[in-house]
Amino acid sequence: MKLLWLIALACIAWRLIKGRWPWQAKPLPGPSFADVHASTQARALLGVDEGASRRDILDAHRRVVAQVHPDRGGSNEKVHEANAARDLLLAKLDKLQP
């Protein structure tokens, strides 16, 4: 009975220290499939290539927002999608540059 209590306490301590249970798999380093897929969709939405600079991303965002703005017959949802794509790509770009 004491052994079960020790195992339970050890598992709880592990969870508190490591942030995951001992039986959970350790996350793999690098971008996940969802990250890669989201950035691919963001690049497609803005029409920029993978090596786009900060200026390219901002210029593409400006063009897309001008096309989909509600004042020009677009929708708020499309503007929010363009903003999210811009934010995602700029955040990814900031991570890559020191």
N, C-alpha and C. Protein backbone atom coordinates (compact mmCIF):
# COMPACT_ATOMS: atom_id res chain seq x y z
N MET A 1 0.82 -1.18 0.00
CA MET A 1 0.00 0.00 0.00
C MET A 1 0.88 1.26 0.00
N LYS A 2 1.96 1.25 0.78
CA LYS A 2 2.86 2.39 0.82
C LYS A 2 3.52 2.62 -0.54
N LEU A 3 3.80 1.54 -1.23
CA LEU A 3 4.42 1.66 -2.55
C LEU A 3 3.50 2.40 -3.52
N LEU A 4 2.21 2.12 -3.49
CA LEU A 4 1.26 2.81 -4.36
C LEU A 4 1.21 4.31 -4.04
N TRP A 5 1.25 4.65 -2.75
CA TRP A 5 1.25 6.05 -2.35
C TRP A 5 2.53 6.74 -2.83
N LEU A 6 3.65 6.07 -2.73
CA LEU A 6 4.91 6.65 -3.19
C LEU A 6 4.90 6.87 -4.71
N ILE A 7 4.35 5.91 -5.43
CA ILE A 7 4.26 6.04 -6.88
C ILE A 7 3.35 7.22 -7.25
N ALA A 8 2.22 7.32 -6.58
CA ALA A 8 1.28 8.43 -6.84
C ALA A 8 1.94 9.77 -6.53
N LEU A 9 2.62 9.87 -5.41
CA LEU A 9 3.30 11.12 -5.07
C LEU A 9 4.42 11.45 -6.05
N ALA A 10 5.14 10.43 -6.48
CA ALA A 10 6.20 10.65 -7.46
C ALA A 10 5.61 11.15 -8.78
N CYS A 11 4.47 10.61 -9.19
CA CYS A 11 3.81 11.06 -10.43
C CYS A 11 3.35 12.51 -10.30
N ILE A 12 2.81 12.85 -9.17
CA ILE A 12 2.35 14.23 -8.96
C ILE A 12 3.55 15.19 -8.93
N ALA A 13 4.62 14.78 -8.30
CA ALA A 13 5.83 15.61 -8.28
C ALA A 13 6.37 15.79 -9.70
N TRP A 14 6.37 14.73 -10.47
CA TRP A 14 6.82 14.79 -11.86
C TRP A 14 5.98 15.80 -12.63
N ARG A 15 4.66 15.74 -12.43
CA ARG A 15 3.73 16.64 -13.12
C ARG A 15 4.02 18.10 -12.74
N LEU A 16 4.28 18.34 -11.47
CA LEU A 16 4.55 19.70 -11.02
C LEU A 16 5.87 20.23 -11.56
N ILE A 17 6.86 19.38 -11.66
CA ILE A 17 8.19 19.80 -12.11
C ILE A 17 8.27 19.90 -13.63
N LYS A 18 7.83 18.87 -14.32
CA LYS A 18 7.98 18.80 -15.78
C LYS A 18 6.81 19.41 -16.56
N GLY A 19 5.65 19.56 -15.91
CA GLY A 19 4.49 20.11 -16.61
C GLY A 19 3.72 19.08 -17.41
N ARG A 20 4.05 17.83 -17.26
CA ARG A 20 3.32 16.75 -17.94
C ARG A 20 3.42 15.49 -17.10
N TRP A 21 2.56 14.55 -17.36
CA TRP A 21 2.60 13.29 -16.62
C TRP A 21 3.74 12.42 -17.13
N PRO A 22 4.25 11.52 -16.31
CA PRO A 22 5.38 10.69 -16.76
C PRO A 22 5.06 9.83 -17.98
N TRP A 23 3.83 9.48 -18.19
CA TRP A 23 3.47 8.61 -19.31
C TRP A 23 3.14 9.40 -20.57
N GLN A 24 3.13 10.71 -20.50
CA GLN A 24 2.89 11.50 -21.70
C GLN A 24 4.18 11.62 -22.49
N ALA A 25 4.02 11.59 -23.81
CA ALA A 25 5.19 11.68 -24.68
C ALA A 25 5.78 13.09 -24.62
N LYS A 26 7.08 13.14 -24.69
CA LYS A 26 7.78 14.42 -24.70
C LYS A 26 7.53 15.07 -26.06
N PRO A 27 7.17 16.36 -26.09
CA PRO A 27 6.94 17.00 -27.39
C PRO A 27 8.21 17.04 -28.22
N LEU A 28 8.04 16.81 -29.50
CA LEU A 28 9.19 16.81 -30.40
C LEU A 28 9.61 18.25 -30.69
N PRO A 29 10.91 18.48 -30.83
CA PRO A 29 11.36 19.83 -31.15
C PRO A 29 10.99 20.19 -32.58
N GLY A 30 10.88 21.47 -32.84
CA GLY A 30 10.57 21.94 -34.18
C GLY A 30 9.10 22.21 -34.36
N PRO A 31 8.74 22.75 -35.52
CA PRO A 31 7.35 23.11 -35.76
C PRO A 31 6.47 21.87 -35.96
N SER A 32 5.25 21.98 -35.49
CA SER A 32 4.31 20.88 -35.67
C SER A 32 3.68 20.98 -37.05
N PHE A 33 2.94 19.95 -37.43
CA PHE A 33 2.24 19.94 -38.71
C PHE A 33 1.25 21.09 -38.78
N ALA A 34 0.56 21.36 -37.66
CA ALA A 34 -0.43 22.44 -37.64
C ALA A 34 0.23 23.79 -37.86
N ASP A 35 1.42 24.01 -37.29
CA ASP A 35 2.14 25.26 -37.50
C ASP A 35 2.53 25.45 -38.96
N VAL A 36 3.03 24.39 -39.56
CA VAL A 36 3.45 24.45 -40.96
C VAL A 36 2.24 24.69 -41.86
N HIS A 37 1.15 24.00 -41.56
CA HIS A 37 -0.07 24.14 -42.37
C HIS A 37 -0.63 25.56 -42.24
N ALA A 38 -0.65 26.10 -41.03
CA ALA A 38 -1.18 27.45 -40.82
C ALA A 38 -0.33 28.49 -41.53
N SER A 39 0.98 28.36 -41.47
CA SER A 39 1.82 29.34 -42.14
C SER A 39 1.72 29.21 -43.66
N THR A 40 1.51 27.99 -44.17
CA THR A 40 1.31 27.79 -45.60
C THR A 40 0.02 28.47 -46.05
N GLN A 41 -1.04 28.32 -45.26
CA GLN A 41 -2.31 28.96 -45.59
C GLN A 41 -2.18 30.49 -45.52
N ALA A 42 -1.45 30.98 -44.53
CA ALA A 42 -1.26 32.42 -44.38
C ALA A 42 -0.50 32.98 -45.58
N ARG A 43 0.55 32.28 -46.02
CA ARG A 43 1.30 32.74 -47.19
C ARG A 43 0.43 32.73 -48.44
N ALA A 44 -0.41 31.70 -48.58
CA ALA A 44 -1.29 31.62 -49.74
C ALA A 44 -2.33 32.75 -49.71
N LEU A 45 -2.86 33.05 -48.54
CA LEU A 45 -3.85 34.11 -48.42
C LEU A 45 -3.26 35.46 -48.80
N LEU A 46 -2.05 35.72 -48.35
CA LEU A 46 -1.42 37.00 -48.66
C LEU A 46 -0.69 37.00 -50.00
N GLY A 47 -0.44 35.83 -50.55
CA GLY A 47 0.24 35.74 -51.84
C GLY A 47 1.72 36.02 -51.77
N VAL A 48 2.37 35.57 -50.70
CA VAL A 48 3.81 35.75 -50.57
C VAL A 48 4.49 34.39 -50.55
N ASP A 49 5.77 34.38 -50.93
CA ASP A 49 6.50 33.12 -50.92
C ASP A 49 7.11 32.88 -49.54
N GLU A 50 7.76 31.74 -49.39
CA GLU A 50 8.30 31.34 -48.09
C GLU A 50 9.42 32.24 -47.59
N GLY A 51 10.17 32.82 -48.49
CA GLY A 51 11.29 33.67 -48.08
C GLY A 51 10.93 35.15 -48.04
N ALA A 52 9.66 35.46 -47.87
CA ALA A 52 9.21 36.86 -47.91
C ALA A 52 9.78 37.64 -46.73
N SER A 53 10.13 38.88 -47.00
CA SER A 53 10.66 39.75 -45.96
C SER A 53 9.51 40.42 -45.21
N ARG A 54 9.85 41.13 -44.16
CA ARG A 54 8.84 41.87 -43.38
C ARG A 54 8.10 42.87 -44.27
N ARG A 55 8.84 43.57 -45.09
CA ARG A 55 8.23 44.56 -46.00
C ARG A 55 7.29 43.88 -46.99
N ASP A 56 7.69 42.71 -47.55
CA ASP A 56 6.84 41.98 -48.49
C ASP A 56 5.52 41.57 -47.84
N ILE A 57 5.61 41.09 -46.61
CA ILE A 57 4.42 40.65 -45.88
C ILE A 57 3.49 41.83 -45.63
N LEU A 58 4.04 42.95 -45.19
CA LEU A 58 3.22 44.13 -44.90
C LEU A 58 2.59 44.69 -46.18
N ASP A 59 3.34 44.71 -47.28
CA ASP A 59 2.78 45.20 -48.54
C ASP A 59 1.67 44.29 -49.05
N ALA A 60 1.88 42.98 -48.95
CA ALA A 60 0.86 42.03 -49.38
C ALA A 60 -0.39 42.16 -48.51
N HIS A 61 -0.19 42.33 -47.21
CA HIS A 61 -1.33 42.50 -46.30
C HIS A 61 -2.12 43.75 -46.68
N ARG A 62 -1.43 44.81 -46.96
CA ARG A 62 -2.09 46.06 -47.34
C ARG A 62 -2.92 45.88 -48.61
N ARG A 63 -2.37 45.17 -49.60
CA ARG A 63 -3.11 44.91 -50.84
C ARG A 63 -4.35 44.08 -50.60
N VAL A 64 -4.20 43.01 -49.81
CA VAL A 64 -5.34 42.12 -49.56
C VAL A 64 -6.43 42.85 -48.78
N VAL A 65 -6.06 43.61 -47.77
CA VAL A 65 -7.06 44.33 -46.98
C VAL A 65 -7.77 45.36 -47.85
N ALA A 66 -7.07 46.00 -48.76
CA ALA A 66 -7.71 46.96 -49.66
C ALA A 66 -8.76 46.27 -50.53
N GLN A 67 -8.54 45.01 -50.89
CA GLN A 67 -9.48 44.27 -51.73
C GLN A 67 -10.68 43.76 -50.95
N VAL A 68 -10.47 43.33 -49.71
CA VAL A 68 -11.55 42.66 -48.95
C VAL A 68 -12.18 43.55 -47.89
N HIS A 69 -11.84 44.82 -47.87
CA HIS A 69 -12.38 45.73 -46.85
C HIS A 69 -13.90 45.87 -47.02
N PRO A 70 -14.63 45.97 -45.92
CA PRO A 70 -16.09 46.10 -46.00
C PRO A 70 -16.55 47.32 -46.81
N ASP A 71 -15.78 48.38 -46.85
CA ASP A 71 -16.14 49.55 -47.64
C ASP A 71 -16.09 49.27 -49.15
N ARG A 72 -15.41 48.21 -49.52
CA ARG A 72 -15.29 47.83 -50.93
C ARG A 72 -16.06 46.55 -51.24
N GLY A 73 -17.02 46.21 -50.40
CA GLY A 73 -17.85 45.03 -50.67
C GLY A 73 -17.35 43.76 -50.02
N GLY A 74 -16.28 43.84 -49.25
CA GLY A 74 -15.76 42.67 -48.55
C GLY A 74 -16.46 42.47 -47.23
N SER A 75 -15.83 41.76 -46.34
CA SER A 75 -16.43 41.50 -45.03
C SER A 75 -15.39 41.67 -43.92
N ASN A 76 -15.90 41.87 -42.72
CA ASN A 76 -15.01 41.97 -41.57
C ASN A 76 -14.23 40.68 -41.36
N GLU A 77 -14.88 39.55 -41.65
CA GLU A 77 -14.23 38.24 -41.47
C GLU A 77 -12.98 38.13 -42.35
N LYS A 78 -13.08 38.59 -43.59
CA LYS A 78 -11.92 38.52 -44.50
C LYS A 78 -10.79 39.42 -44.02
N VAL A 79 -11.14 40.58 -43.47
CA VAL A 79 -10.11 41.48 -42.94
C VAL A 79 -9.43 40.84 -41.74
N HIS A 80 -10.23 40.19 -40.87
CA HIS A 80 -9.66 39.51 -39.71
C HIS A 80 -8.76 38.36 -40.14
N GLU A 81 -9.13 37.64 -41.18
CA GLU A 81 -8.28 36.55 -41.68
C GLU A 81 -6.95 37.11 -42.20
N ALA A 82 -7.01 38.22 -42.93
CA ALA A 82 -5.79 38.82 -43.44
C ALA A 82 -4.90 39.32 -42.30
N ASN A 83 -5.52 39.91 -41.28
CA ASN A 83 -4.75 40.38 -40.12
C ASN A 83 -4.10 39.21 -39.39
N ALA A 84 -4.84 38.11 -39.24
CA ALA A 84 -4.29 36.93 -38.56
C ALA A 84 -3.13 36.33 -39.36
N ALA A 85 -3.27 36.31 -40.69
CA ALA A 85 -2.20 35.78 -41.54
C ALA A 85 -0.96 36.65 -41.41
N ARG A 86 -1.14 37.97 -41.42
CA ARG A 86 -0.01 38.90 -41.26
C ARG A 86 0.68 38.69 -39.92
N ASP A 87 -0.13 38.61 -38.85
CA ASP A 87 0.44 38.44 -37.51
C ASP A 87 1.21 37.14 -37.39
N LEU A 88 0.67 36.06 -37.96
CA LEU A 88 1.32 34.76 -37.89
C LEU A 88 2.66 34.78 -38.62
N LEU A 89 2.67 35.33 -39.82
CA LEU A 89 3.91 35.35 -40.60
C LEU A 89 4.96 36.28 -39.99
N LEU A 90 4.52 37.41 -39.45
CA LEU A 90 5.48 38.31 -38.81
C LEU A 90 6.04 37.69 -37.53
N ALA A 91 5.20 36.99 -36.77
CA ALA A 91 5.69 36.32 -35.57
C ALA A 91 6.70 35.23 -35.93
N LYS A 92 6.41 34.49 -36.98
CA LYS A 92 7.34 33.45 -37.41
C LYS A 92 8.64 34.06 -37.90
N LEU A 93 8.55 35.18 -38.59
CA LEU A 93 9.74 35.87 -39.08
C LEU A 93 10.58 36.40 -37.92
N ASP A 94 9.92 36.93 -36.89
CA ASP A 94 10.63 37.44 -35.71
C ASP A 94 11.33 36.33 -34.96
N LYS A 95 10.74 35.13 -34.95
CA LYS A 95 11.38 33.99 -34.28
C LYS A 95 12.66 33.58 -35.00
N LEU A 96 12.64 33.67 -36.32
CA LEU A 96 13.79 33.23 -37.10
C LEU A 96 14.95 34.21 -37.03
N GLN A 97 14.65 35.49 -36.87
CA GLN A 97 15.70 36.50 -36.85
C GLN A 97 16.09 36.80 -35.40
N PRO A 98 17.38 36.85 -35.12
CA PRO A 98 17.82 37.13 -33.74
C PRO A 98 17.62 38.57 -33.36
